[in-house]
C-alpha atoms as a PDB file:
ATOM      1  CA  MET A   1      36.166 224.170 135.991  1.00  0.00           C
ATOM      2  CA  LEU A   2      49.423 222.735 140.118  1.00  0.00           C
ATOM      3  CA  HIS A   3      52.635 223.707 141.551  1.00  0.00           C
ATOM      4  CA  ASP A   4      55.529 223.414 143.735  1.00  0.00           C
ATOM      5  CA  VAL A   5      53.622 225.708 145.739  1.00  0.00           C
ATOM      6  CA  ILE A   6      56.464 227.581 147.729  1.00  0.00           C
ATOM      7  CA  PRO A   7      59.734 227.176 148.594  1.00  0.00           C
ATOM      8  CA  ALA A   8      60.428 224.876 151.875  1.00  0.00           C
ATOM      9  CA  PRO A   9      60.561 227.346 154.721  1.00  0.00           C
ATOM     10  CA  ASP A  10      57.298 228.826 153.706  1.00  0.00           C
ATOM     11  CA  ARG A  11      55.446 225.597 153.775  1.00  0.00           C
ATOM     12  CA  CYS A  12      54.741 225.547 157.317  1.00  0.00           C
ATOM     13  CA  ALA A  13      52.101 227.944 156.733  1.00  0.00           C
ATOM     14  CA  LEU A  14      50.285 225.259 155.187  1.00  0.00           C
ATOM     15  CA  ALA A  15      49.716 224.002 158.511  1.00  0.00           C
ATOM     16  CA  PRO A  16      49.271 226.847 160.771  1.00  0.00           C
ATOM     17  CA  SER A  17      49.247 226.255 164.616  1.00  0.00           C
ATOM     18  CA  ALA A  18      46.407 226.834 167.049  1.00  0.00           C
ATOM     19  CA  ALA A  19      48.575 229.181 168.900  1.00  0.00           C
ATOM     20  CA  GLU A  20      49.754 231.411 166.170  1.00  0.00           C
ATOM     21  CA  ASP A  21      46.558 231.519 163.572  1.00  0.00           C
ATOM     22  CA  ARG A  22      42.982 231.010 164.538  1.00  0.00           C
ATOM     23  CA  ASN A  23      41.492 227.746 163.066  1.00  0.00           C
ATOM     24  CA  ALA A  24      39.643 227.561 159.790  1.00  0.00           C
ATOM     25  CA  ARG A  25      35.549 228.353 161.621  1.00  0.00           C
ATOM     26  CA  SER A  26      36.998 230.834 163.507  1.00  0.00           C
ATOM     27  CA  TRP A  27      38.359 232.547 160.086  1.00  0.00           C
ATOM     28  CA  VAL A  28      34.742 232.380 158.878  1.00  0.00           C
ATOM     29  CA  ARG A  29      33.602 234.713 161.628  1.00  0.00           C
ATOM     30  CA  ILE A  30      36.587 237.202 161.547  1.00  0.00           C
ATOM     31  CA  LEU A  31      35.881 237.495 157.868  1.00  0.00           C
ATOM     32  CA  ALA A  32      32.621 238.013 157.792  1.00  0.00           C
ATOM     33  CA  ASN A  33      33.224 241.329 158.857  1.00  0.00           C
ATOM     34  CA  TYR A  34      34.478 242.397 155.594  1.00  0.00           C
ATOM     35  CA  ARG A  35      31.037 240.878 153.497  1.00  0.00           C
ATOM     36  CA  GLU A  36      29.840 244.701 153.085  1.00  0.00           C
ATOM     37  CA  PRO A  37      30.025 246.048 149.289  1.00  0.00           C
ATOM     38  CA  SER A  38      29.910 249.590 148.818  1.00  0.00           C
ATOM     39  CA  HIS A  39      27.491 250.323 146.193  1.00  0.00           C
ATOM     40  CA  ARG A  40      29.444 253.244 144.958  1.00  0.00           C
ATOM     41  CA  ARG A  41      32.856 251.145 144.628  1.00  0.00           C
ATOM     42  CA  SER A  42      30.774 248.376 143.081  1.00  0.00           C
ATOM     43  CA  VAL A  43      29.225 250.486 140.345  1.00  0.00           C
ATOM     44  CA  ALA A  44      32.671 251.670 139.586  1.00  0.00           C
ATOM     45  CA  GLU A  45      34.519 248.734 139.117  1.00  0.00           C
ATOM     46  CA  LEU A  46      31.679 247.498 136.641  1.00  0.00           C
ATOM     47  CA  LEU A  47      32.044 250.543 134.701  1.00  0.00           C
ATOM     48  CA  VAL A  48      35.908 250.749 134.521  1.00  0.00           C
ATOM     49  CA  THR A  49      35.583 246.967 133.349  1.00  0.00           C
ATOM     50  CA  LEU A  50      32.469 247.416 131.012  1.00  0.00           C
ATOM     51  CA  ILE A  51      33.300 250.726 129.275  1.00  0.00           C
ATOM     52  CA  PRO A  52      36.778 249.389 128.015  1.00  0.00           C
ATOM     53  CA  PHE A  53      35.385 246.088 127.011  1.00  0.00           C
ATOM     54  CA  LEU A  54      32.540 247.566 124.797  1.00  0.00           C
ATOM     55  CA  GLY A  55      35.309 250.220 123.675  1.00  0.00           C
ATOM     56  CA  LEU A  56      38.152 247.554 122.864  1.00  0.00           C
ATOM     57  CA  TRP A  57      35.289 245.404 121.046  1.00  0.00           C
ATOM     58  CA  ALA A  58      34.221 248.311 118.859  1.00  0.00           C
ATOM     59  CA  LEU A  59      38.138 249.338 118.324  1.00  0.00           C
ATOM     60  CA  ALA A  60      38.783 245.559 116.999  1.00  0.00           C
ATOM     61  CA  TRP A  61      35.469 245.823 115.106  1.00  0.00           C
ATOM     62  CA  TRP A  62      36.950 249.132 113.142  1.00  0.00           C
ATOM     63  CA  SER A  63      40.295 247.834 112.801  1.00  0.00           C
ATOM     64  CA  LEU A  64      39.127 245.067 110.520  1.00  0.00           C
ATOM     65  CA  SER A  65      39.126 247.407 107.974  1.00  0.00           C
ATOM     66  CA  LEU A  66      43.134 247.586 108.273  1.00  0.00           C
ATOM     67  CA  ASN A  67      44.308 244.135 109.293  1.00  0.00           C
ATOM     68  CA  PRO A  68      42.201 241.228 110.440  1.00  0.00           C
ATOM     69  CA  LEU A  69      45.348 240.263 112.539  1.00  0.00           C
ATOM     70  CA  LEU A  70      45.246 243.543 114.449  1.00  0.00           C
ATOM     71  CA  ALA A  71      41.421 242.904 115.016  1.00  0.00           C
ATOM     72  CA  ALA A  72      42.261 239.533 116.469  1.00  0.00           C
ATOM     73  CA  GLY A  73      45.259 241.229 118.332  1.00  0.00           C
ATOM     74  CA  LEU A  74      43.125 243.519 120.307  1.00  0.00           C
ATOM     75  CA  ALA A  75      40.489 240.996 120.640  1.00  0.00           C
ATOM     76  CA  GLY A  76      43.001 238.745 122.723  1.00  0.00           C
ATOM     77  CA  LEU A  77      43.719 241.891 124.753  1.00  0.00           C
ATOM     78  CA  ASN A  78      39.838 242.348 125.504  1.00  0.00           C
ATOM     79  CA  SER A  79      39.645 238.912 126.699  1.00  0.00           C
ATOM     80  CA  LEU A  80      41.456 240.270 130.067  1.00  0.00           C
ATOM     81  CA  PHE A  81      38.366 242.630 130.500  1.00  0.00           C
ATOM     82  CA  LEU A  82      36.118 239.993 129.936  1.00  0.00           C
ATOM     83  CA  VAL A  83      37.756 237.499 132.478  1.00  0.00           C
ATOM     84  CA  ARG A  84      37.235 240.550 134.962  1.00  0.00           C
ATOM     85  CA  LEU A  85      33.457 240.984 134.120  1.00  0.00           C
ATOM     86  CA  PHE A  86      33.113 237.029 134.815  1.00  0.00           C
ATOM     87  CA  VAL A  87      34.655 237.593 138.109  1.00  0.00           C
ATOM     88  CA  ILE A  88      32.193 240.319 138.568  1.00  0.00           C
ATOM     89  CA  GLN A  89      29.368 238.154 137.657  1.00  0.00           C
ATOM     90  CA  HIS A  90      30.821 235.405 140.011  1.00  0.00           C
ATOM     91  CA  ASP A  91      30.238 238.187 142.865  1.00  0.00           C
ATOM     92  CA  CYS A  92      26.912 238.794 141.677  1.00  0.00           C
ATOM     93  CA  GLY A  93      26.403 235.117 142.239  1.00  0.00           C
ATOM     94  CA  HIS A  94      27.534 235.080 145.890  1.00  0.00           C
ATOM     95  CA  GLY A  95      25.439 238.003 146.593  1.00  0.00           C
ATOM     96  CA  ALA A  96      28.657 239.576 147.420  1.00  0.00           C
ATOM     97  CA  PHE A  97      28.691 242.476 144.538  1.00  0.00           C
ATOM     98  CA  PHE A  98      25.667 244.496 145.629  1.00  0.00           C
ATOM     99  CA  ARG A  99      23.781 244.676 148.941  1.00  0.00           C
ATOM    100  CA  SER A 100      20.494 244.097 146.764  1.00  0.00           C
ATOM    101  CA  ARG A 101      20.104 240.748 145.739  1.00  0.00           C
ATOM    102  CA  ALA A 102      17.754 241.554 142.723  1.00  0.00           C
ATOM    103  CA  LEU A 103      20.508 243.868 141.537  1.00  0.00           C
ATOM    104  CA  ASN A 104      23.111 241.472 141.914  1.00  0.00           C
ATOM    105  CA  ASP A 105      20.953 238.831 140.046  1.00  0.00           C
ATOM    106  CA  LEU A 106      20.203 241.382 137.572  1.00  0.00           C
ATOM    107  CA  VAL A 107      23.602 242.297 136.798  1.00  0.00           C
ATOM    108  CA  GLY A 108      24.684 238.837 137.087  1.00  0.00           C
ATOM    109  CA  ARG A 109      22.299 237.956 134.318  1.00  0.00           C
ATOM    110  CA  ALA A 110      23.250 240.734 131.972  1.00  0.00           C
ATOM    111  CA  LEU A 111      27.240 239.876 132.253  1.00  0.00           C
ATOM    112  CA  GLY A 112      26.237 236.030 131.789  1.00  0.00           C
ATOM    113  CA  VAL A 113      25.469 237.159 128.045  1.00  0.00           C
ATOM    114  CA  LEU A 114      28.938 238.447 127.622  1.00  0.00           C
ATOM    115  CA  THR A 115      30.470 235.671 129.151  1.00  0.00           C
ATOM    116  CA  LEU A 116      28.159 232.950 127.396  1.00  0.00           C
ATOM    117  CA  THR A 117      27.344 231.687 131.222  1.00  0.00           C
ATOM    118  CA  PRO A 118      23.752 231.294 132.013  1.00  0.00           C
ATOM    119  CA  TYR A 119      23.486 232.927 135.343  1.00  0.00           C
ATOM    120  CA  GLU A 120      21.336 230.866 137.246  1.00  0.00           C
ATOM    121  CA  VAL A 121      22.823 227.984 135.998  1.00  0.00           C
ATOM    122  CA  TRP A 122      26.104 228.738 136.832  1.00  0.00           C
ATOM    123  CA  ARG A 123      25.411 229.881 139.976  1.00  0.00           C
ATOM    124  CA  ARG A 124      23.668 226.485 141.390  1.00  0.00           C
ATOM    125  CA  SER A 125      26.770 224.592 140.016  1.00  0.00           C
ATOM    126  CA  HIS A 126      29.081 226.869 141.565  1.00  0.00           C
ATOM    127  CA  ALA A 127      27.359 226.661 145.054  1.00  0.00           C
ATOM    128  CA  VAL A 128      27.849 223.126 144.658  1.00  0.00           C
ATOM    129  CA  HIS A 129      31.640 223.500 144.010  1.00  0.00           C
ATOM    130  CA  HIS A 130      32.058 225.707 147.277  1.00  0.00           C
ATOM    131  CA  ALA A 131      29.860 223.194 149.138  1.00  0.00           C
ATOM    132  CA  SER A 132      31.968 220.041 148.268  1.00  0.00           C
ATOM    133  CA  ALA A 133      35.428 221.221 147.009  1.00  0.00           C
ATOM    134  CA  GLY A 134      37.972 218.581 148.263  1.00  0.00           C
ATOM    135  CA  ASN A 135      35.379 216.072 148.886  1.00  0.00           C
ATOM    136  CA  LEU A 136      36.549 212.424 147.260  1.00  0.00           C
ATOM    137  CA  ASP A 137      32.996 211.361 147.598  1.00  0.00           C
ATOM    138  CA  LYS A 138      31.200 214.679 145.878  1.00  0.00           C
ATOM    139  CA  ARG A 139      33.434 215.371 142.641  1.00  0.00           C
ATOM    140  CA  GLY A 140      31.738 215.844 139.551  1.00  0.00           C
ATOM    141  CA  ILE A 141      30.221 219.434 139.261  1.00  0.00           C
ATOM    142  CA  GLY A 142      32.191 222.502 139.016  1.00  0.00           C
ATOM    143  CA  ASP A 143      35.515 220.828 139.489  1.00  0.00           C
ATOM    144  CA  VAL A 144      38.671 219.520 137.133  1.00  0.00           C
ATOM    145  CA  LEU A 145      37.989 215.686 137.538  1.00  0.00           C
ATOM    146  CA  THR A 146      40.874 214.486 139.697  1.00  0.00           C
ATOM    147  CA  LEU A 147      41.518 210.656 140.361  1.00  0.00           C
ATOM    148  CA  THR A 148      43.360 209.339 142.976  1.00  0.00           C
ATOM    149  CA  VAL A 149      46.270 206.825 142.508  1.00  0.00           C
ATOM    150  CA  ALA A 150      44.131 203.811 143.593  1.00  0.00           C
ATOM    151  CA  GLU A 151      41.290 204.674 141.259  1.00  0.00           C
ATOM    152  CA  TYR A 152      43.788 205.337 138.392  1.00  0.00           C
ATOM    153  CA  ARG A 153      44.940 202.049 138.504  1.00  0.00           C
ATOM    154  CA  ALA A 154      41.711 200.255 138.777  1.00  0.00           C
ATOM    155  CA  ARG A 155      40.628 201.902 135.445  1.00  0.00           C
ATOM    156  CA  THR A 156      41.106 199.867 132.323  1.00  0.00           C
ATOM    157  CA  PRO A 157      43.823 200.671 130.031  1.00  0.00           C
ATOM    158  CA  LEU A 158      41.583 202.530 127.628  1.00  0.00           C
ATOM    159  CA  GLY A 159      39.870 204.373 130.781  1.00  0.00           C
ATOM    160  CA  ARG A 160      43.726 205.488 132.061  1.00  0.00           C
ATOM    161  CA  LEU A 161      44.087 206.809 128.663  1.00  0.00           C
ATOM    162  CA  ARG A 162      41.093 208.639 128.220  1.00  0.00           C
ATOM    163  CA  TYR A 163      42.075 210.395 131.505  1.00  0.00           C
ATOM    164  CA  ARG A 164      45.740 210.972 130.644  1.00  0.00           C
ATOM    165  CA  LEU A 165      44.267 212.642 127.692  1.00  0.00           C
ATOM    166  CA  TYR A 166      41.580 214.921 129.507  1.00  0.00           C
ATOM    167  CA  ARG A 167      44.477 216.069 131.801  1.00  0.00           C
ATOM    168  CA  HIS A 168      46.810 217.075 129.071  1.00  0.00           C
ATOM    169  CA  PRO A 169      47.394 220.703 128.692  1.00  0.00           C
ATOM    170  CA  ALA A 170      46.400 220.970 125.345  1.00  0.00           C
ATOM    171  CA  PHE A 171      43.034 219.372 125.842  1.00  0.00           C
ATOM    172  CA  LEU A 172      42.393 220.960 129.182  1.00  0.00           C
ATOM    173  CA  PHE A 173      43.583 224.601 128.505  1.00  0.00           C
ATOM    174  CA  GLY A 174      42.916 224.223 125.200  1.00  0.00           C
ATOM    175  CA  LEU A 175      39.682 222.652 123.810  1.00  0.00           C
ATOM    176  CA  VAL A 176      37.740 222.325 127.237  1.00  0.00           C
ATOM    177  CA  PRO A 177      37.102 225.976 127.694  1.00  0.00           C
ATOM    178  CA  VAL A 178      36.117 226.728 124.014  1.00  0.00           C
ATOM    179  CA  TYR A 179      33.673 223.432 124.243  1.00  0.00           C
ATOM    180  CA  LEU A 180      32.923 224.613 127.759  1.00  0.00           C
ATOM    181  CA  PHE A 181      31.660 228.377 127.077  1.00  0.00           C
ATOM    182  CA  LEU A 182      30.546 228.002 123.451  1.00  0.00           C
ATOM    183  CA  PHE A 183      28.609 224.488 123.798  1.00  0.00           C
ATOM    184  CA  GLN A 184      28.183 223.411 127.270  1.00  0.00           C
ATOM    185  CA  ASN A 185      27.189 226.275 128.665  1.00  0.00           C
ATOM    186  CA  ARG A 186      24.173 226.397 125.819  1.00  0.00           C
ATOM    187  CA  VAL A 187      22.010 223.688 128.067  1.00  0.00           C
ATOM    188  CA  PRO A 188      22.013 223.073 131.838  1.00  0.00           C
ATOM    189  CA  VAL A 189      24.420 220.112 132.087  1.00  0.00           C
ATOM    190  CA  GLY A 190      24.298 218.861 135.557  1.00  0.00           C
ATOM    191  CA  LEU A 191      21.017 220.628 136.287  1.00  0.00           C
ATOM    192  CA  MET A 192      18.969 219.208 133.236  1.00  0.00           C
ATOM    193  CA  ARG A 193      16.179 217.755 135.544  1.00  0.00           C
ATOM    194  CA  ALA A 194      16.465 219.994 138.706  1.00  0.00           C
ATOM    195  CA  GLY A 195      13.783 222.415 137.480  1.00  0.00           C
ATOM    196  CA  TRP A 196      12.648 224.850 134.824  1.00  0.00           C
ATOM    197  CA  ARG A 197      14.113 227.994 136.041  1.00  0.00           C
ATOM    198  CA  TYR A 198      17.748 226.198 134.933  1.00  0.00           C
ATOM    199  CA  TRP A 199      16.168 225.963 131.320  1.00  0.00           C
ATOM    200  CA  VAL A 200      15.044 229.200 131.298  1.00  0.00           C
ATOM    201  CA  SER A 201      18.323 230.802 132.591  1.00  0.00           C
ATOM    202  CA  ALA A 202      20.080 228.877 129.411  1.00  0.00           C
ATOM    203  CA  ILE A 203      17.495 229.384 126.888  1.00  0.00           C
ATOM    204  CA  GLY A 204      17.327 233.266 127.968  1.00  0.00           C
ATOM    205  CA  THR A 205      20.817 233.724 127.646  1.00  0.00           C
ATOM    206  CA  ASN A 206      20.910 231.734 124.315  1.00  0.00           C
ATOM    207  CA  LEU A 207      18.106 233.908 122.521  1.00  0.00           C
ATOM    208  CA  THR A 208      19.659 237.100 123.971  1.00  0.00           C
ATOM    209  CA  LEU A 209      23.094 236.191 122.545  1.00  0.00           C
ATOM    210  CA  LEU A 210      21.254 234.870 119.616  1.00  0.00           C
ATOM    211  CA  VAL A 211      20.063 238.411 118.852  1.00  0.00           C
ATOM    212  CA  LEU A 212      23.264 240.570 119.743  1.00  0.00           C
ATOM    213  CA  LEU A 213      25.625 238.011 117.380  1.00  0.00           C
ATOM    214  CA  GLY A 214      22.664 238.096 114.438  1.00  0.00           C
ATOM    215  CA  ALA A 215      22.950 242.075 115.129  1.00  0.00           C
ATOM    216  CA  ILE A 216      26.635 241.672 114.709  1.00  0.00           C
ATOM    217  CA  PHE A 217      26.149 239.597 111.447  1.00  0.00           C
ATOM    218  CA  HIS A 218      23.793 241.769 110.073  1.00  0.00           C
ATOM    219  CA  PHE A 219      26.122 244.985 110.244  1.00  0.00           C
ATOM    220  CA  GLY A 220      29.452 243.578 109.750  1.00  0.00           C
ATOM    221  CA  GLY A 221      29.298 239.911 108.286  1.00  0.00           C
ATOM    222  CA  TRP A 222      30.810 237.151 109.779  1.00  0.00           C
ATOM    223  CA  GLU A 223      34.272 238.846 109.897  1.00  0.00           C
ATOM    224  CA  PRO A 224      33.935 240.432 113.348  1.00  0.00           C
ATOM    225  CA  LEU A 225      32.052 237.209 114.911  1.00  0.00           C
ATOM    226  CA  VAL A 226      35.557 235.226 113.321  1.00  0.00           C
ATOM    227  CA  TRP A 227      38.213 237.954 114.411  1.00  0.00           C
ATOM    228  CA  VAL A 228      36.700 239.664 117.269  1.00  0.00           C
ATOM    229  CA  PHE A 229      34.095 237.700 118.988  1.00  0.00           C
ATOM    230  CA  LEU A 230      35.785 234.193 118.831  1.00  0.00           C
ATOM    231  CA  PRO A 231      39.277 235.602 119.891  1.00  0.00           C
ATOM    232  CA  THR A 232      37.902 237.393 122.538  1.00  0.00           C
ATOM    233  CA  THR A 233      35.730 234.770 123.978  1.00  0.00           C
ATOM    234  CA  ALA A 234      38.153 231.656 123.698  1.00  0.00           C
ATOM    235  CA  GLY A 235      40.984 233.739 125.068  1.00  0.00           C
ATOM    236  CA  ALA A 236      38.973 234.511 128.060  1.00  0.00           C
ATOM    237  CA  ALA A 237      37.616 230.946 128.454  1.00  0.00           C
ATOM    238  CA  MET A 238      41.100 229.468 128.270  1.00  0.00           C
ATOM    239  CA  ILE A 239      42.551 232.203 131.112  1.00  0.00           C
ATOM    240  CA  GLY A 240      39.524 231.528 133.137  1.00  0.00           C
ATOM    241  CA  VAL A 241      40.007 227.655 133.144  1.00  0.00           C
ATOM    242  CA  TRP A 242      43.703 228.098 134.104  1.00  0.00           C
ATOM    243  CA  LEU A 243      42.501 230.298 137.119  1.00  0.00           C
ATOM    244  CA  PHE A 244      39.835 227.770 138.087  1.00  0.00           C
ATOM    245  CA  TYR A 245      42.769 225.112 137.756  1.00  0.00           C
ATOM    246  CA  VAL A 246      45.367 226.684 140.070  1.00  0.00           C
ATOM    247  CA  GLN A 247      43.026 227.666 142.502  1.00  0.00           C
ATOM    248  CA  HIS A 248      42.875 224.017 143.535  1.00  0.00           C
ATOM    249  CA  GLN A 249      45.179 221.875 141.577  1.00  0.00           C
ATOM    250  CA  PHE A 250      48.323 222.288 143.522  1.00  0.00           C
ATOM    251  CA  GLU A 251      50.694 220.065 145.259  1.00  0.00           C
ATOM    252  CA  GLU A 252      49.639 220.153 148.581  1.00  0.00           C
ATOM    253  CA  THR A 253      45.809 220.896 148.542  1.00  0.00           C
ATOM    254  CA  SER A 254      43.341 219.172 150.415  1.00  0.00           C
ATOM    255  CA  TRP A 255      40.925 215.993 149.544  1.00  0.00           C
ATOM    256  CA  ASP A 256      39.060 214.082 151.930  1.00  0.00           C
ATOM    257  CA  THR A 257      36.556 211.123 152.044  1.00  0.00           C
ATOM    258  CA  ASP A 258      33.177 212.144 153.465  1.00  0.00           C
ATOM    259  CA  THR A 259      33.949 211.083 156.862  1.00  0.00           C
ATOM    260  CA  ASP A 260      36.727 213.260 157.370  1.00  0.00           C
ATOM    261  CA  TRP A 261      36.132 216.210 155.375  1.00  0.00           C
ATOM    262  CA  GLN A 262      35.222 219.312 156.792  1.00  0.00           C
ATOM    263  CA  LEU A 263      34.150 222.541 154.751  1.00  0.00           C
ATOM    264  CA  GLN A 264      36.129 225.372 156.383  1.00  0.00           C
ATOM    265  CA  ASP A 265      39.380 223.204 156.481  1.00  0.00           C
ATOM    266  CA  ALA A 266      38.828 221.986 152.946  1.00  0.00           C
ATOM    267  CA  ALA A 267      38.536 226.058 151.995  1.00  0.00           C
ATOM    268  CA  LEU A 268      41.612 227.127 153.543  1.00  0.00           C
ATOM    269  CA  ARG A 269      43.983 224.498 152.999  1.00  0.00           C
ATOM    270  CA  GLY A 270      42.595 223.183 149.679  1.00  0.00           C
ATOM    271  CA  SER A 271      42.340 226.708 148.083  1.00  0.00           C
ATOM    272  CA  SER A 272      45.488 228.510 146.490  1.00  0.00           C
ATOM    273  CA  HIS A 273      46.538 231.921 147.146  1.00  0.00           C
ATOM    274  CA  TYR A 274      47.837 232.752 143.769  1.00  0.00           C
ATOM    275  CA  VAL A 275      50.498 235.604 143.840  1.00  0.00           C
ATOM    276  CA  LEU A 276      50.009 237.823 140.740  1.00  0.00           C
ATOM    277  CA  PRO A 277      51.830 240.948 139.089  1.00  0.00           C
ATOM    278  CA  GLY A 278      49.524 243.905 139.852  1.00  0.00           C
ATOM    279  CA  ILE A 279      48.489 244.093 136.542  1.00  0.00           C
ATOM    280  CA  LEU A 280      46.947 240.712 136.570  1.00  0.00           C
ATOM    281  CA  ARG A 281      45.682 241.087 139.899  1.00  0.00           C
ATOM    282  CA  TRP A 282      43.409 243.640 138.441  1.00  0.00           C
ATOM    283  CA  PHE A 283      42.499 241.821 135.386  1.00  0.00           C
ATOM    284  CA  SER A 284      41.475 238.784 137.512  1.00  0.00           C
ATOM    285  CA  ALA A 285      39.827 240.683 140.254  1.00  0.00           C
ATOM    286  CA  ASN A 286      41.610 239.346 143.104  1.00  0.00           C
ATOM    287  CA  ILE A 287      39.934 236.032 142.152  1.00  0.00           C
ATOM    288  CA  GLY A 288      43.757 234.522 143.201  1.00  0.00           C
ATOM    289  CA  VAL A 289      42.989 235.129 146.699  1.00  0.00           C
ATOM    290  CA  HIS A 290      40.768 232.320 146.594  1.00  0.00           C
ATOM    291  CA  HIS A 291      41.614 230.709 150.041  1.00  0.00           C
ATOM    292  CA  VAL A 292      39.892 233.825 151.944  1.00  0.00           C
ATOM    293  CA  HIS A 293      37.399 233.691 149.026  1.00  0.00           C
ATOM    294  CA  HIS A 294      36.386 229.828 149.941  1.00  0.00           C
ATOM    295  CA  LEU A 295      36.365 230.791 153.723  1.00  0.00           C
ATOM    296  CA  GLN A 296      34.165 234.000 153.071  1.00  0.00           C
ATOM    297  CA  SER A 297      32.504 233.919 149.696  1.00  0.00           C
ATOM    298  CA  ARG A 298      30.189 236.551 150.606  1.00  0.00           C
ATOM    299  CA  VAL A 299      33.270 239.315 150.408  1.00  0.00           C
ATOM    300  CA  PRO A 300      33.462 241.364 147.529  1.00  0.00           C
ATOM    301  CA  PHE A 301      36.480 241.050 145.399  1.00  0.00           C
ATOM    302  CA  TYR A 302      37.846 244.632 145.966  1.00  0.00           C
ATOM    303  CA  ARG A 303      37.767 244.070 149.684  1.00  0.00           C
ATOM    304  CA  LEU A 304      40.063 240.798 149.597  1.00  0.00           C
ATOM    305  CA  PRO A 305      43.474 242.933 149.833  1.00  0.00           C
ATOM    306  CA  GLU A 306      42.217 244.803 152.606  1.00  0.00           C
ATOM    307  CA  ILE A 307      41.687 241.279 154.318  1.00  0.00           C
ATOM    308  CA  LEU A 308      45.255 240.317 153.448  1.00  0.00           C
ATOM    309  CA  LYS A 309      46.575 243.666 154.698  1.00  0.00           C
ATOM    310  CA  ASP A 310      45.034 243.284 158.081  1.00  0.00           C
ATOM    311  CA  HIS A 311      45.478 239.469 158.559  1.00  0.00           C
ATOM    312  CA  HIS A 312      49.377 238.887 157.598  1.00  0.00           C
ATOM    313  CA  ARG A 313      49.042 235.180 158.385  1.00  0.00           C
ATOM    314  CA  LEU A 314      46.278 234.872 155.685  1.00  0.00           C
ATOM    315  CA  ASN A 315      48.611 236.686 153.026  1.00  0.00           C
ATOM    316  CA  GLU A 316      51.482 234.004 153.892  1.00  0.00           C
ATOM    317  CA  VAL A 317      49.462 230.773 153.578  1.00  0.00           C
ATOM    318  CA  GLN A 318      48.950 228.764 150.538  1.00  0.00           C
ATOM    319  CA  ARG A 319      51.157 231.185 148.492  1.00  0.00           C
ATOM    320  CA  LEU A 320      51.400 230.234 144.579  1.00  0.00           C
ATOM    321  CA  THR A 321      53.735 232.232 142.357  1.00  0.00           C
ATOM    322  CA  LEU A 322      53.130 232.481 138.625  1.00  0.00           C
ATOM    323  CA  GLY A 323      56.358 231.171 138.035  1.00  0.00           C
ATOM    324  CA  ARG A 324      55.972 228.306 139.917  1.00  0.00           C
ATOM    325  CA  SER A 325      52.101 227.566 138.920  1.00  0.00           C
ATOM    326  CA  LEU A 326      53.280 226.448 135.620  1.00  0.00           C
ATOM    327  CA  SER A 327      54.919 223.357 137.037  1.00  0.00           C
ATOM    328  CA  CYS A 328      51.788 222.356 138.383  1.00  0.00           C
ATOM    329  CA  VAL A 329      50.471 221.130 135.333  1.00  0.00           C
ATOM    330  CA  LYS A 330      52.340 218.103 135.799  1.00  0.00           C
ATOM    331  CA  LEU A 331      50.141 216.992 138.861  1.00  0.00           C
ATOM    332  CA  LYS A 332      47.316 214.626 138.077  1.00  0.00           C
ATOM    333  CA  LEU A 333      46.222 212.450 140.724  1.00  0.00           C
ATOM    334  CA  TRP A 334      45.743 212.540 144.232  1.00  0.00           C
ATOM    335  CA  ASP A 335      47.753 210.159 146.755  1.00  0.00           C
ATOM    336  CA  GLU A 336      46.362 209.490 149.552  1.00  0.00           C
ATOM    337  CA  GLN A 337      48.980 208.078 151.571  1.00  0.00           C
ATOM    338  CA  SER A 338      50.938 211.255 151.078  1.00  0.00           C
ATOM    339  CA  ARG A 339      48.012 213.414 151.051  1.00  0.00           C
ATOM    340  CA  ARG A 340      49.321 215.672 147.960  1.00  0.00           C
ATOM    341  CA  LEU A 341      48.645 215.524 144.294  1.00  0.00           C
ATOM    342  CA  ILE A 342      51.527 214.033 142.178  1.00  0.00           C
ATOM    343  CA  SER A 343      52.470 213.335 138.531  1.00  0.00           C
ATOM    344  CA  PHE A 344      52.126 209.918 136.663  1.00  0.00           C
ATOM    345  CA  ALA A 345      55.775 209.323 136.812  1.00  0.00           C
ATOM    346  CA  GLU A 346      55.696 209.840 140.536  1.00  0.00           C
ATOM    347  CA  ALA A 347      52.691 207.405 140.706  1.00  0.00           C
ATOM    348  CA  ARG A 348      54.747 204.749 139.020  1.00  0.00           C
ATOM    349  CA  THR A 349      57.252 204.694 141.431  1.00  0.00           C
ATOM    350  CA  LEU A 350      55.000 203.955 144.580  1.00  0.00           C
END
């Protein structure tokens, strides 16, 4: 639950011609050829992420005997592995990581304990996000609250202040991630009346988590919880929220009312291609290739680079570099006239 996107010469990529590029719907058919996961590759990706995560957790716990700050530093590093585990859980939720739905669900539920994210609850809310991203009439589940300029102006002074506080970087990337993963995920928010399975998912995750944390406290006291568990979880939550933010909150993203909104067009033009350095691509499990992911969510994350290699045009559209993404935090409101996200300062000049 942001940019100067690309230099002007490249922005033509945001509106590809029919002659040079296939339309969004045809891309969906083409990308379906990449949906088949490799069982061996999936197991390997899981192991090379889970084993270092558990090893660093143990090392950080052991290092408490040397220096708590050292433990916290190792825990911060381990948050990167937790982010990668979350993306694997994410692929399981899409049925993309294994051929078997039962195996996807089994691994997804287990990882949900480590990520503090009830699997069934998250899968349903994330499906809603995929089915409505960029739809102005269907905001509210699995997205970052975004107002149009007109909606912001129609709010009371207090309402505008609340929105400004919500969109402030310190709140959005500091407090919100911690609240979301430590507290909100303990109940099926948004699905409270949607059926017992979501309550079972949330309560089952909570009980398993309680047993694990209770065991840690029993053997190590409060120190591993404060110096290892919290930094690992909070760090991963902040990184995760930032990644989710830049995937849709960039200047020339796409928003439309329900009558004009089209699923595939919104997927292609409303999702960024976050071009990260190699090591960060690995830790984020290629989730930055988000425009392709939204076009075909059943593609396992390790096949996304294959798509960019085979289809150069998809590698060129919606590009957002790490450096340029930082300027996206100033973008707060959707201007329906210019069809772009703008800052509060820009809104005052309209």
